[in-house]
């Protein structure tokens, strides 16, 4: 009774709606992230190396220190906030603690690895292109998993709330 008298069910519905809108927005970010990657490179090490080290054939220059620094500066903050928000939302789901810990570690590590990979290709060794590809795929899969799991959890909670 208190639930209805205080209007808590309306706040719950509003909160779920806002989170779903946020997840829809993040889904669009996820798509654009993939499109941007595939606009610049593909899943072959040669294309990744060419992007970071330049290509005489394509008349492209290697990525400069300043260019990598500017991208990292923005990405470290933005991806940190995104990952923090998504993992925070995941904490409120009914997933087991073990799954929450693994998914959280996976997404944080893949986001950091994806950012570090460009630096490693440019300044350490071109074979880090494999690392870049793997970290990009892992980041995209872990983002998709979090978006999907939180979305399904919200729908499950709403159905459960309506059933009471």
Protein backbone atom coordinates (compact mmCIF):
# COMPACT_ATOMS: atom_id res chain seq x y z
CA UNK A 1 0.00 0.00 0.00
CA UNK A 2 2.82 2.40 0.90
CA UNK A 3 4.23 1.79 -2.60
CA UNK A 4 1.11 3.33 -4.20
CA UNK A 5 0.43 5.94 -1.51
CA UNK A 6 3.90 7.48 -1.90
CA UNK A 7 3.80 7.32 -5.71
CA UNK A 8 6.86 5.09 -5.74
CA UNK A 9 5.49 3.04 -8.65
CA UNK A 10 5.45 6.19 -10.83
CA UNK A 11 9.02 7.06 -9.88
CA UNK A 12 10.05 3.49 -10.67
CA UNK A 13 8.39 3.69 -14.08
CA UNK A 14 10.01 7.05 -14.80
CA UNK A 15 13.43 5.81 -13.71
CA UNK A 16 13.12 2.69 -15.87
CA UNK A 17 12.02 4.80 -18.83
CA UNK A 18 14.96 7.18 -18.42
CA UNK A 19 17.41 4.31 -18.16
CA UNK A 20 15.93 2.67 -21.27
CA UNK A 21 16.28 5.95 -23.18
CA UNK A 22 19.89 6.19 -22.00
CA UNK A 23 20.53 2.62 -23.14
CA UNK A 24 19.01 3.43 -26.54
CA UNK A 25 21.36 6.38 -26.80
CA UNK A 26 24.32 4.20 -25.82
CA UNK A 27 23.24 1.63 -28.41
CA UNK A 28 23.55 4.36 -31.05
CA UNK A 29 26.99 5.20 -29.65
CA UNK A 30 27.91 1.51 -29.89
CA UNK A 31 26.87 1.43 -33.55
CA UNK A 32 28.75 4.63 -34.39
CA UNK A 33 31.84 3.29 -32.60
CA UNK A 34 31.84 0.25 -34.86
CA UNK A 35 31.17 2.34 -37.96
CA UNK A 36 34.04 4.70 -37.12
CA UNK A 37 36.42 1.78 -36.59
CA UNK A 38 35.47 0.16 -39.89
CA UNK A 39 35.66 3.49 -41.71
CA UNK A 40 39.33 3.72 -40.72
CA UNK A 41 40.39 0.06 -40.67
CA UNK A 42 39.08 -3.47 -40.75
CA UNK A 43 39.82 -6.61 -38.78
CA UNK A 44 43.09 -7.33 -40.56
CA UNK A 45 46.40 -6.47 -38.92
CA UNK A 46 47.65 -4.86 -42.14
CA UNK A 47 44.83 -2.29 -42.14
CA UNK A 48 45.41 -1.47 -38.46
CA UNK A 49 49.17 -1.07 -38.99
CA UNK A 50 48.52 1.11 -42.03
CA UNK A 51 46.19 3.33 -40.04
CA UNK A 52 48.65 3.91 -37.19
CA UNK A 53 51.98 3.79 -39.05
CA UNK A 54 50.87 5.36 -42.31
CA UNK A 55 51.08 3.97 -45.81
CA UNK A 56 53.11 5.12 -48.79
CA UNK A 57 50.64 3.30 -51.02
CA UNK A 58 47.69 5.28 -49.62
CA UNK A 59 49.73 8.48 -49.07
CA UNK A 60 48.92 8.56 -45.35
CA UNK A 61 51.19 9.71 -42.54
CA UNK A 62 51.82 7.88 -39.26
CA UNK A 63 49.65 9.01 -36.35
CA UNK A 64 51.43 11.76 -34.50
CA UNK A 65 52.09 11.87 -30.79
CA UNK A 66 49.75 14.86 -30.49
CA UNK A 67 46.98 13.11 -32.43
CA UNK A 68 47.18 10.00 -30.24
CA UNK A 69 47.34 12.16 -27.12
CA UNK A 70 44.24 14.18 -28.08
CA UNK A 71 42.23 11.04 -28.84
CA UNK A 72 43.39 9.37 -25.62
CA UNK A 73 42.64 12.44 -23.55
CA UNK A 74 39.03 12.50 -24.72
CA UNK A 75 38.51 8.73 -24.80
CA UNK A 76 39.91 8.06 -21.34
CA UNK A 77 37.40 10.42 -19.78
CA UNK A 78 34.41 9.58 -21.99
CA UNK A 79 34.90 5.80 -21.91
CA UNK A 80 35.54 5.94 -18.17
CA UNK A 81 32.22 7.70 -17.60
CA UNK A 82 30.38 5.36 -19.96
CA UNK A 83 31.83 2.23 -18.39
CA UNK A 84 31.21 3.55 -14.87
CA UNK A 85 27.56 4.30 -15.73
CA UNK A 86 26.91 0.95 -17.42
CA UNK A 87 28.56 -1.08 -14.67
CA UNK A 88 26.66 0.93 -12.06
CA UNK A 89 23.40 0.08 -13.82
CA UNK A 90 24.49 -3.57 -14.04
CA UNK A 91 25.03 -3.65 -10.26
CA UNK A 92 21.29 -3.07 -9.84
CA UNK A 93 20.40 -6.16 -11.89
CA UNK A 94 19.68 -9.63 -10.55
CA UNK A 95 22.86 -11.07 -12.08
CA UNK A 96 25.13 -13.02 -9.77
CA UNK A 97 27.97 -11.16 -8.12
CA UNK A 98 30.48 -13.32 -9.99
CA UNK A 99 29.00 -12.32 -13.36
CA UNK A 100 28.96 -8.66 -12.32
CA UNK A 101 32.62 -8.78 -11.29
CA UNK A 102 33.71 -10.54 -14.49
CA UNK A 103 31.74 -8.23 -16.78
CA UNK A 104 32.99 -5.14 -14.95
CA UNK A 105 36.61 -6.27 -15.15
CA UNK A 106 36.19 -7.27 -18.79
CA UNK A 107 34.76 -3.95 -19.93
CA UNK A 108 37.27 -1.84 -17.99
CA UNK A 109 40.22 -3.87 -19.25
CA UNK A 110 38.98 -3.92 -22.84
CA UNK A 111 38.41 -0.14 -22.83
CA UNK A 112 41.91 0.51 -21.49
CA UNK A 113 43.45 -2.07 -23.84
CA UNK A 114 41.65 -0.58 -26.83
CA UNK A 115 43.09 2.84 -26.01
CA UNK A 116 46.59 1.56 -25.27
CA UNK A 117 46.76 -0.55 -28.43
CA UNK A 118 47.18 2.41 -30.78
CA UNK A 119 50.10 3.71 -28.75
CA UNK A 120 51.68 0.26 -28.69
CA UNK A 121 51.36 -0.15 -32.47
CA UNK A 122 52.80 3.29 -33.12
CA UNK A 123 55.65 3.27 -30.61
CA UNK A 124 56.37 -0.35 -29.63
CA UNK A 125 55.74 -2.84 -32.46
CA UNK A 126 53.33 -3.31 -35.39
CA UNK A 127 52.37 -6.77 -34.12
CA UNK A 128 50.26 -5.04 -31.47
CA UNK A 129 47.72 -4.72 -34.30
CA UNK A 130 46.43 -8.14 -33.20
CA UNK A 131 45.99 -6.71 -29.69
CA UNK A 132 44.09 -3.73 -31.13
CA UNK A 133 41.72 -5.97 -33.06
CA UNK A 134 41.12 -8.25 -30.07
CA UNK A 135 40.58 -5.34 -27.67
CA UNK A 136 38.17 -3.63 -30.08
CA UNK A 137 36.11 -6.82 -30.50
CA UNK A 138 36.14 -7.45 -26.74
CA UNK A 139 35.10 -3.87 -26.01
CA UNK A 140 32.24 -3.99 -28.51
CA UNK A 141 31.03 -7.37 -27.21
CA UNK A 142 31.22 -6.33 -23.56
CA UNK A 143 29.40 -3.05 -24.27
CA UNK A 144 26.71 -4.97 -26.15
CA UNK A 145 26.40 -7.47 -23.31
CA UNK A 146 25.98 -4.74 -20.70
CA UNK A 147 23.43 -2.85 -22.81
CA UNK A 148 21.46 -6.03 -23.43
CA UNK A 149 21.63 -7.34 -19.86
CA UNK A 150 20.56 -4.06 -18.28
CA UNK A 151 17.76 -3.65 -20.83
CA UNK A 152 16.47 -7.19 -20.25
CA UNK A 153 16.72 -6.68 -16.50
CA UNK A 154 14.57 -3.55 -16.73
CA UNK A 155 11.92 -5.34 -18.77
CA UNK A 156 11.99 -8.28 -16.36
CA UNK A 157 11.61 -5.96 -13.35
CA UNK A 158 8.75 -4.11 -15.01
CA UNK A 159 6.93 -7.34 -15.85
CA UNK A 160 7.48 -8.56 -12.30
CA UNK A 161 6.18 -5.24 -10.90
CA UNK A 162 3.05 -5.41 -13.07
CA UNK A 163 2.42 -9.00 -11.99
CA UNK A 164 2.20 -8.03 -8.31
